[in-house]
Amino acid sequence: MSYWELLDELRHEGACAQLRNTDISIKELAFELGYSGSNNFIRAFKRLTGFTPSEYRE
């Protein structure tokens, strides 16, 4: 596993936990996870799960 794959996995796990257990905004969550912007976070999340963060939260 490469560094970037590990980073993606850790960010994804953190994002899923936050989306399930808090009402933090997508923009704040992206910042907390180290993404340069919410659009980058949304694209990465959708690539890994097939859902946008908002869809996953519902």
N, C-alpha and C. Protein backbone atom coordinates (compact mmCIF):
# COMPACT_ATOMS: atom_id res chain seq x y z
N MET A 1 0.85 -1.18 0.00
CA MET A 1 0.00 0.00 0.00
C MET A 1 0.90 1.24 0.00
N SER A 2 0.59 2.17 -0.87
CA SER A 2 1.39 3.39 -0.95
C SER A 2 0.94 4.40 0.12
N TYR A 3 1.76 5.39 0.30
CA TYR A 3 1.44 6.46 1.24
C TYR A 3 0.09 7.09 0.91
N TRP A 4 -0.14 7.38 -0.37
CA TRP A 4 -1.37 8.05 -0.79
C TRP A 4 -2.59 7.17 -0.59
N GLU A 5 -2.44 5.87 -0.83
CA GLU A 5 -3.55 4.95 -0.58
C GLU A 5 -3.89 4.87 0.91
N LEU A 6 -2.86 4.84 1.74
CA LEU A 6 -3.07 4.83 3.18
C LEU A 6 -3.73 6.12 3.64
N LEU A 7 -3.26 7.24 3.13
CA LEU A 7 -3.85 8.53 3.48
C LEU A 7 -5.32 8.58 3.08
N ASP A 8 -5.64 8.13 1.86
CA ASP A 8 -7.04 8.07 1.41
C ASP A 8 -7.88 7.21 2.34
N GLU A 9 -7.36 6.06 2.73
CA GLU A 9 -8.10 5.14 3.59
C GLU A 9 -8.37 5.77 4.96
N LEU A 10 -7.36 6.38 5.54
CA LEU A 10 -7.54 7.01 6.86
C LEU A 10 -8.50 8.19 6.80
N ARG A 11 -8.37 9.00 5.76
CA ARG A 11 -9.30 10.12 5.59
C ARG A 11 -10.73 9.62 5.41
N HIS A 12 -10.87 8.56 4.62
CA HIS A 12 -12.20 8.01 4.35
C HIS A 12 -12.84 7.48 5.64
N GLU A 13 -12.07 6.74 6.43
CA GLU A 13 -12.59 6.22 7.69
C GLU A 13 -13.00 7.36 8.63
N GLY A 14 -12.17 8.39 8.70
CA GLY A 14 -12.49 9.54 9.53
C GLY A 14 -13.72 10.27 9.04
N ALA A 15 -13.83 10.41 7.74
CA ALA A 15 -14.98 11.10 7.16
C ALA A 15 -16.27 10.33 7.45
N CYS A 16 -16.24 9.04 7.26
CA CYS A 16 -17.45 8.22 7.50
C CYS A 16 -17.88 8.34 8.96
N ALA A 17 -16.94 8.27 9.87
CA ALA A 17 -17.28 8.38 11.29
C ALA A 17 -17.89 9.74 11.60
N GLN A 18 -17.29 10.78 11.08
CA GLN A 18 -17.81 12.14 11.33
C GLN A 18 -19.19 12.33 10.70
N LEU A 19 -19.38 11.80 9.51
CA LEU A 19 -20.67 11.96 8.84
C LEU A 19 -21.78 11.20 9.56
N ARG A 20 -21.44 10.06 10.14
CA ARG A 20 -22.43 9.26 10.88
C ARG A 20 -22.77 9.86 12.24
N ASN A 21 -21.77 10.45 12.90
CA ASN A 21 -21.92 10.79 14.30
C ASN A 21 -22.01 12.28 14.62
N THR A 22 -21.83 13.15 13.65
CA THR A 22 -21.89 14.58 13.91
C THR A 22 -22.69 15.28 12.83
N ASP A 23 -22.94 16.56 13.06
CA ASP A 23 -23.59 17.36 12.02
C ASP A 23 -22.65 18.43 11.49
N ILE A 24 -21.35 18.16 11.59
CA ILE A 24 -20.33 19.08 11.08
C ILE A 24 -20.58 19.32 9.59
N SER A 25 -20.31 20.54 9.13
CA SER A 25 -20.53 20.85 7.71
C SER A 25 -19.48 20.14 6.86
N ILE A 26 -19.82 19.93 5.62
CA ILE A 26 -18.91 19.27 4.67
C ILE A 26 -17.64 20.10 4.53
N LYS A 27 -17.80 21.41 4.48
CA LYS A 27 -16.65 22.31 4.34
C LYS A 27 -15.72 22.19 5.54
N GLU A 28 -16.26 22.18 6.74
CA GLU A 28 -15.44 22.03 7.95
C GLU A 28 -14.75 20.66 7.98
N LEU A 29 -15.48 19.63 7.62
CA LEU A 29 -14.93 18.28 7.62
C LEU A 29 -13.78 18.18 6.63
N ALA A 30 -13.94 18.74 5.45
CA ALA A 30 -12.87 18.73 4.45
C ALA A 30 -11.61 19.39 5.01
N PHE A 31 -11.78 20.51 5.69
CA PHE A 31 -10.64 21.21 6.28
C PHE A 31 -9.99 20.36 7.37
N GLU A 32 -10.80 19.76 8.23
CA GLU A 32 -10.27 18.92 9.32
C GLU A 32 -9.48 17.72 8.79
N LEU A 33 -9.90 17.19 7.66
CA LEU A 33 -9.24 16.02 7.09
C LEU A 33 -8.04 16.37 6.22
N GLY A 34 -7.79 17.67 6.04
CA GLY A 34 -6.60 18.10 5.31
C GLY A 34 -6.78 18.30 3.82
N TYR A 35 -8.01 18.35 3.36
CA TYR A 35 -8.25 18.62 1.93
C TYR A 35 -8.12 20.12 1.68
N SER A 36 -7.68 20.47 0.48
CA SER A 36 -7.49 21.88 0.15
C SER A 36 -8.82 22.60 -0.10
N GLY A 37 -9.88 21.85 -0.27
CA GLY A 37 -11.19 22.44 -0.46
C GLY A 37 -12.28 21.38 -0.40
N SER A 38 -13.50 21.83 -0.20
CA SER A 38 -14.59 20.87 -0.07
C SER A 38 -14.85 20.11 -1.37
N ASN A 39 -14.61 20.75 -2.52
CA ASN A 39 -14.82 20.04 -3.79
C ASN A 39 -13.87 18.86 -3.94
N ASN A 40 -12.62 19.03 -3.50
CA ASN A 40 -11.66 17.92 -3.55
C ASN A 40 -12.10 16.79 -2.63
N PHE A 41 -12.59 17.14 -1.46
CA PHE A 41 -13.08 16.14 -0.52
C PHE A 41 -14.27 15.39 -1.10
N ILE A 42 -15.22 16.12 -1.67
CA ILE A 42 -16.42 15.49 -2.23
C ILE A 42 -16.04 14.52 -3.35
N ARG A 43 -15.13 14.93 -4.24
CA ARG A 43 -14.69 14.06 -5.34
C ARG A 43 -14.02 12.80 -4.80
N ALA A 44 -13.12 12.95 -3.83
CA ALA A 44 -12.42 11.81 -3.27
C ALA A 44 -13.39 10.86 -2.57
N PHE A 45 -14.32 11.42 -1.81
CA PHE A 45 -15.29 10.59 -1.08
C PHE A 45 -16.16 9.81 -2.06
N LYS A 46 -16.59 10.48 -3.11
CA LYS A 46 -17.44 9.80 -4.11
C LYS A 46 -16.66 8.72 -4.84
N ARG A 47 -15.39 8.96 -5.10
CA ARG A 47 -14.55 7.96 -5.77
C ARG A 47 -14.43 6.70 -4.90
N LEU A 48 -14.33 6.87 -3.60
CA LEU A 48 -14.15 5.74 -2.69
C LEU A 48 -15.44 5.03 -2.32
N THR A 49 -16.56 5.76 -2.28
CA THR A 49 -17.81 5.15 -1.80
C THR A 49 -18.90 5.04 -2.86
N GLY A 50 -18.82 5.89 -3.88
CA GLY A 50 -19.89 5.94 -4.87
C GLY A 50 -21.00 6.90 -4.47
N PHE A 51 -20.85 7.55 -3.32
CA PHE A 51 -21.83 8.51 -2.82
C PHE A 51 -21.14 9.82 -2.49
N THR A 52 -21.88 10.91 -2.58
CA THR A 52 -21.35 12.17 -2.07
C THR A 52 -21.45 12.13 -0.54
N PRO A 53 -20.71 12.97 0.16
CA PRO A 53 -20.81 12.98 1.61
C PRO A 53 -22.25 13.24 2.10
N SER A 54 -22.96 14.11 1.42
CA SER A 54 -24.36 14.40 1.82
C SER A 54 -25.25 13.19 1.64
N GLU A 55 -25.07 12.48 0.53
CA GLU A 55 -25.85 11.26 0.30
C GLU A 55 -25.53 10.21 1.36
N TYR A 56 -24.25 10.07 1.69
CA TYR A 56 -23.83 9.10 2.69
C TYR A 56 -24.44 9.44 4.05
N ARG A 57 -24.47 10.71 4.40
CA ARG A 57 -25.00 11.14 5.69
C ARG A 57 -26.48 10.81 5.82
N GLU A 58 -27.22 10.90 4.72
CA GLU A 58 -28.67 10.61 4.75
C GLU A 58 -28.88 9.15 5.01
